[in-house]
Structures are given as C-alpha cells and as structure tokens.
Amino acid sequence: MLTHHLQNALEDLRDLIKITESDIEDIKKAEHDPQFERLSLKEEKLKAFETKKAMIDHEISSLMTANPDVELQNLLNEQQHKQLKELKIELARLHEVNKKYAKLVVVVSNLYNTFLERLVPTEMHGYKKVASKESNVLEIRV
C-alpha cells in the first residue's frame, strides 16, 4: 500500500510542476485567463497530494509501530526507498518552480500597481489608500 501511495503522490507532484510551468509560460505571454482556468485543477492536485502524503505518513508510522525494533531503513524495500528519494527531488523541483512563478507574479503585480497609481494617484488616510483629490482620470468640460 505504501508503494501505491508513494507512486500516486509522485504523479500529483509532477502534475503540479507541469501546471506551474504552464502558468510561468502564460504569465510571460500575458495570457492570464488560462492561469485562472487552471487554478481549480491546481488546488485539487494540491489537496490530493496532501491527502496522499498523510496516507504515506500513516503507513510509515504503522510499519514502525508494528516493528519497533527495526530501523525504518530496513522496513522499506528498495523501490520504496527509491520513491522516497524521487519524492524529495520532485518536492525540491516544485519549490524552485514555485519560486520562479512567485517572482514573476510580484513583477507583474508591481507593474499593474504602478500603472494604476499613475492613472489614479492615491493618498494615505490613516491605513487606507484613497484617490487623491488631484486625480484627473476623466475631465469633463461643458
């Protein structure tokens, strides 16, 4: 059962990486709609991975409880050790891809905020930003 959960968790991680890489390509092309369309799929894959990770933790804990005198490294077979190493590698890869995506999101967000600030200047009133009285987005003359 542990092998099955590890394989499914790896598939979910790889799917998350592919989705995030697609998001990176779309943000570079300024195609934001596909990113929003994939958001629910990404959330679904993340929840599925978390569930499978909990099952993996439970299986390993059960093995250790059933065999208290045996070290974990001797409880798992070669395939399970390999899958755990792959899981660690894929998690690190997802972390790097997410960092790259986050940097792009911040850059795009700052760009839009700068444009908005130039169109509609704001002032701070306490902790609130409000449109400046001097903003002239639209001037109507009669």
C-alpha atoms as a PDB file:
ATOM      1  CA  MET A   1       0.000   0.000   0.000  1.00  0.00           C
ATOM      2  CA  LEU A   2       2.865   2.372   0.813  1.00  0.00           C
ATOM      3  CA  THR A   3       4.323   1.880  -2.673  1.00  0.00           C
ATOM      4  CA  HIS A   4       0.941   2.743  -4.200  1.00  0.00           C
ATOM      5  CA  HIS A   5       0.611   5.946  -2.150  1.00  0.00           C
ATOM      6  CA  LEU A   6       4.170   6.977  -2.991  1.00  0.00           C
ATOM      7  CA  GLN A   7       3.579   6.478  -6.722  1.00  0.00           C
ATOM      8  CA  ASN A   8       0.334   8.482  -6.647  1.00  0.00           C
ATOM      9  CA  ALA A   9       1.953  11.279  -4.645  1.00  0.00           C
ATOM     10  CA  LEU A  10       4.771  11.457  -7.210  1.00  0.00           C
ATOM     11  CA  GLU A  11       2.228  11.713 -10.039  1.00  0.00           C
ATOM     12  CA  ASP A  12       0.422  14.550  -8.252  1.00  0.00           C
ATOM     13  CA  LEU A  13       3.690  16.407  -7.668  1.00  0.00           C
ATOM     14  CA  ARG A  14       4.706  16.060 -11.294  1.00  0.00           C
ATOM     15  CA  ASP A  15       1.287  17.328 -12.380  1.00  0.00           C
ATOM     16  CA  LEU A  16       1.634  20.342 -10.064  1.00  0.00           C
ATOM     17  CA  ILE A  17       5.042  21.098 -11.556  1.00  0.00           C
ATOM     18  CA  LYS A  18       3.652  20.902 -15.114  1.00  0.00           C
ATOM     19  CA  ILE A  19       0.739  23.165 -14.227  1.00  0.00           C
ATOM     20  CA  THR A  20       3.042  25.731 -12.603  1.00  0.00           C
ATOM     21  CA  GLU A  21       5.403  25.626 -15.583  1.00  0.00           C
ATOM     22  CA  SER A  22       2.385  26.303 -17.835  1.00  0.00           C
ATOM     23  CA  ASP A  23       1.480  29.231 -15.569  1.00  0.00           C
ATOM     24  CA  ILE A  24       5.008  30.608 -15.983  1.00  0.00           C
ATOM     25  CA  GLU A  25       4.802  30.401 -19.767  1.00  0.00           C
ATOM     26  CA  ASP A  26       1.371  32.060 -19.771  1.00  0.00           C
ATOM     27  CA  ILE A  27       2.427  34.889 -17.471  1.00  0.00           C
ATOM     28  CA  LYS A  28       5.375  35.586 -19.775  1.00  0.00           C
ATOM     29  CA  LYS A  29       2.926  35.884 -22.696  1.00  0.00           C
ATOM     30  CA  ALA A  30       0.497  37.971 -20.600  1.00  0.00           C
ATOM     31  CA  GLU A  31      -2.175  35.301 -21.041  1.00  0.00           C
ATOM     32  CA  HIS A  32      -3.828  35.356 -17.650  1.00  0.00           C
ATOM     33  CA  ASP A  33      -7.121  33.599 -18.375  1.00  0.00           C
ATOM     34  CA  PRO A  34      -5.576  30.117 -18.767  1.00  0.00           C
ATOM     35  CA  GLN A  35      -3.902  30.553 -15.386  1.00  0.00           C
ATOM     36  CA  PHE A  36      -7.222  31.314 -13.725  1.00  0.00           C
ATOM     37  CA  GLU A  37      -8.832  28.360 -15.527  1.00  0.00           C
ATOM     38  CA  ARG A  38      -6.140  26.007 -14.159  1.00  0.00           C
ATOM     39  CA  LEU A  39      -6.436  27.335 -10.617  1.00  0.00           C
ATOM     40  CA  SER A  40      -9.127  24.854  -9.525  1.00  0.00           C
ATOM     41  CA  LEU A  41      -7.168  21.966 -11.033  1.00  0.00           C
ATOM     42  CA  LYS A  42      -4.051  23.122  -9.209  1.00  0.00           C
ATOM     43  CA  GLU A  43      -5.933  23.332  -5.898  1.00  0.00           C
ATOM     44  CA  GLU A  44      -7.413  19.873  -6.496  1.00  0.00           C
ATOM     45  CA  LYS A  45      -3.973  18.367  -7.196  1.00  0.00           C
ATOM     46  CA  LEU A  46      -2.535  20.046  -4.108  1.00  0.00           C
ATOM     47  CA  LYS A  47      -5.280  18.659  -1.860  1.00  0.00           C
ATOM     48  CA  ALA A  48      -4.831  15.205  -3.429  1.00  0.00           C
ATOM     49  CA  PHE A  49      -1.090  15.348  -2.760  1.00  0.00           C
ATOM     50  CA  GLU A  50      -1.636  16.408   0.850  1.00  0.00           C
ATOM     51  CA  THR A  51      -4.052  13.502   1.347  1.00  0.00           C
ATOM     52  CA  LYS A  52      -1.606  11.027  -0.154  1.00  0.00           C
ATOM     53  CA  LYS A  53       1.224  12.419   1.942  1.00  0.00           C
ATOM     54  CA  ALA A  54      -0.897  11.898   5.067  1.00  0.00           C
ATOM     55  CA  MET A  55      -1.501   8.300   3.946  1.00  0.00           C
ATOM     56  CA  ILE A  56       2.236   7.806   3.421  1.00  0.00           C
ATOM     57  CA  ASP A  57       2.928   9.165   6.907  1.00  0.00           C
ATOM     58  CA  HIS A  58       0.278   6.841   8.341  1.00  0.00           C
ATOM     59  CA  GLU A  59       1.673   3.783   6.534  1.00  0.00           C
ATOM     60  CA  ILE A  60       5.223   4.507   7.688  1.00  0.00           C
ATOM     61  CA  SER A  61       4.032   5.141  11.228  1.00  0.00           C
ATOM     62  CA  SER A  62       2.113   1.835  11.194  1.00  0.00           C
ATOM     63  CA  LEU A  63       5.182  -0.022   9.956  1.00  0.00           C
ATOM     64  CA  MET A  64       7.329   1.491  12.687  1.00  0.00           C
ATOM     65  CA  THR A  65       4.735   0.740  15.366  1.00  0.00           C
ATOM     66  CA  ALA A  66       4.391  -2.862  14.209  1.00  0.00           C
ATOM     67  CA  ASN A  67       8.184  -3.298  14.126  1.00  0.00           C
ATOM     68  CA  PRO A  68       9.617  -1.178  16.950  1.00  0.00           C
ATOM     69  CA  ASP A  69      12.978  -2.965  16.956  1.00  0.00           C
ATOM     70  CA  VAL A  70      13.639  -2.484  13.230  1.00  0.00           C
ATOM     71  CA  GLU A  71      15.040   0.742  11.813  1.00  0.00           C
ATOM     72  CA  LEU A  72      12.973   2.495   9.147  1.00  0.00           C
ATOM     73  CA  GLN A  73      15.660   1.990   6.559  1.00  0.00           C
ATOM     74  CA  ASN A  74      15.264  -1.789   6.983  1.00  0.00           C
ATOM     75  CA  LEU A  75      11.456  -1.677   6.947  1.00  0.00           C
ATOM     76  CA  LEU A  76      11.198  -0.287   3.428  1.00  0.00           C
ATOM     77  CA  ASN A  77      12.061  -2.157   0.268  1.00  0.00           C
ATOM     78  CA  GLU A  78      14.360  -0.842  -2.459  1.00  0.00           C
ATOM     79  CA  GLN A  79      11.513   0.507  -4.578  1.00  0.00           C
ATOM     80  CA  GLN A  80      10.064   2.442  -1.634  1.00  0.00           C
ATOM     81  CA  HIS A  81      13.466   3.960  -0.845  1.00  0.00           C
ATOM     82  CA  LYS A  82      13.784   4.986  -4.490  1.00  0.00           C
ATOM     83  CA  GLN A  83      10.300   6.519  -4.490  1.00  0.00           C
ATOM     84  CA  LEU A  84      11.027   8.476  -1.304  1.00  0.00           C
ATOM     85  CA  LYS A  85      14.180   9.880  -2.911  1.00  0.00           C
ATOM     86  CA  GLU A  86      12.188  10.807  -6.039  1.00  0.00           C
ATOM     87  CA  LEU A  87       9.562  12.442  -3.845  1.00  0.00           C
ATOM     88  CA  LYS A  88      12.231  14.561  -2.181  1.00  0.00           C
ATOM     89  CA  ILE A  89      13.680  15.563  -5.573  1.00  0.00           C
ATOM     90  CA  GLU A  90      10.256  16.444  -7.000  1.00  0.00           C
ATOM     91  CA  LEU A  91       9.377  18.479  -3.900  1.00  0.00           C
ATOM     92  CA  ALA A  92      12.593  20.473  -4.318  1.00  0.00           C
ATOM     93  CA  ARG A  93      11.791  20.934  -8.017  1.00  0.00           C
ATOM     94  CA  LEU A  94       8.267  22.154  -7.192  1.00  0.00           C
ATOM     95  CA  HIS A  95       9.761  24.572  -4.672  1.00  0.00           C
ATOM     96  CA  GLU A  96      12.080  26.043  -7.325  1.00  0.00           C
ATOM     97  CA  VAL A  97       9.328  26.299  -9.946  1.00  0.00           C
ATOM     98  CA  ASN A  98       7.023  27.977  -7.419  1.00  0.00           C
ATOM     99  CA  LYS A  99       9.766  30.489  -6.506  1.00  0.00           C
ATOM    100  CA  LYS A 100      10.218  31.347 -10.177  1.00  0.00           C
ATOM    101  CA  TYR A 101       6.454  31.760 -10.623  1.00  0.00           C
ATOM    102  CA  ALA A 102       6.146  33.884  -7.476  1.00  0.00           C
ATOM    103  CA  LYS A 103       8.857  36.256  -8.706  1.00  0.00           C
ATOM    104  CA  LEU A 104       7.004  36.746 -11.988  1.00  0.00           C
ATOM    105  CA  VAL A 105       3.717  37.334 -10.156  1.00  0.00           C
ATOM    106  CA  VAL A 106       5.332  40.003  -7.985  1.00  0.00           C
ATOM    107  CA  VAL A 107       6.833  41.749 -11.015  1.00  0.00           C
ATOM    108  CA  VAL A 108       3.522  41.764 -12.887  1.00  0.00           C
ATOM    109  CA  SER A 109       1.653  42.903  -9.784  1.00  0.00           C
ATOM    110  CA  ASN A 110       4.076  45.784  -9.256  1.00  0.00           C
ATOM    111  CA  LEU A 111       3.726  46.765 -12.912  1.00  0.00           C
ATOM    112  CA  TYR A 112      -0.068  46.887 -12.701  1.00  0.00           C
ATOM    113  CA  ASN A 113       0.039  48.752  -9.387  1.00  0.00           C
ATOM    114  CA  THR A 114       2.437  51.312 -10.881  1.00  0.00           C
ATOM    115  CA  PHE A 115       0.142  51.824 -13.870  1.00  0.00           C
ATOM    116  CA  LEU A 116      -2.867  52.186 -11.600  1.00  0.00           C
ATOM    117  CA  GLU A 117      -1.037  54.670  -9.370  1.00  0.00           C
ATOM    118  CA  ARG A 118      -0.176  56.785 -12.406  1.00  0.00           C
ATOM    119  CA  LEU A 119      -3.755  56.712 -13.666  1.00  0.00           C
ATOM    120  CA  VAL A 120      -5.386  57.270 -10.298  1.00  0.00           C
ATOM    121  CA  PRO A 121      -2.949  58.799  -7.787  1.00  0.00           C
ATOM    122  CA  THR A 122      -3.710  57.863  -4.198  1.00  0.00           C
ATOM    123  CA  GLU A 123      -3.006  59.304  -0.786  1.00  0.00           C
ATOM    124  CA  MET A 124      -2.807  57.563   2.560  1.00  0.00           C
ATOM    125  CA  HIS A 125      -5.528  58.481   5.044  1.00  0.00           C
ATOM    126  CA  GLY A 126      -4.569  56.539   8.127  1.00  0.00           C
ATOM    127  CA  TYR A 127      -4.257  52.954   6.924  1.00  0.00           C
ATOM    128  CA  LYS A 128      -6.447  53.470   3.860  1.00  0.00           C
ATOM    129  CA  LYS A 129      -5.438  54.460   0.371  1.00  0.00           C
ATOM    130  CA  VAL A 130      -7.903  56.816  -1.236  1.00  0.00           C
ATOM    131  CA  ALA A 131      -7.918  58.531  -4.592  1.00  0.00           C
ATOM    132  CA  SER A 132      -6.161  61.850  -4.485  1.00  0.00           C
ATOM    133  CA  LYS A 133      -8.272  64.952  -4.884  1.00  0.00           C
ATOM    134  CA  GLU A 134      -5.891  65.959  -7.616  1.00  0.00           C
ATOM    135  CA  SER A 135      -6.517  62.880  -9.759  1.00  0.00           C
ATOM    136  CA  ASN A 136      -7.893  63.771 -13.153  1.00  0.00           C
ATOM    137  CA  VAL A 137      -8.684  60.487 -14.779  1.00  0.00           C
ATOM    138  CA  LEU A 138     -11.567  61.993 -16.652  1.00  0.00           C
ATOM    139  CA  GLU A 139     -12.157  65.650 -17.110  1.00  0.00           C
ATOM    140  CA  ILE A 140     -15.469  66.799 -18.484  1.00  0.00           C
ATOM    141  CA  ARG A 141     -15.950  70.258 -19.880  1.00  0.00           C
ATOM    142  CA  VAL A 142     -19.303  71.669 -20.819  1.00  0.00           C
END
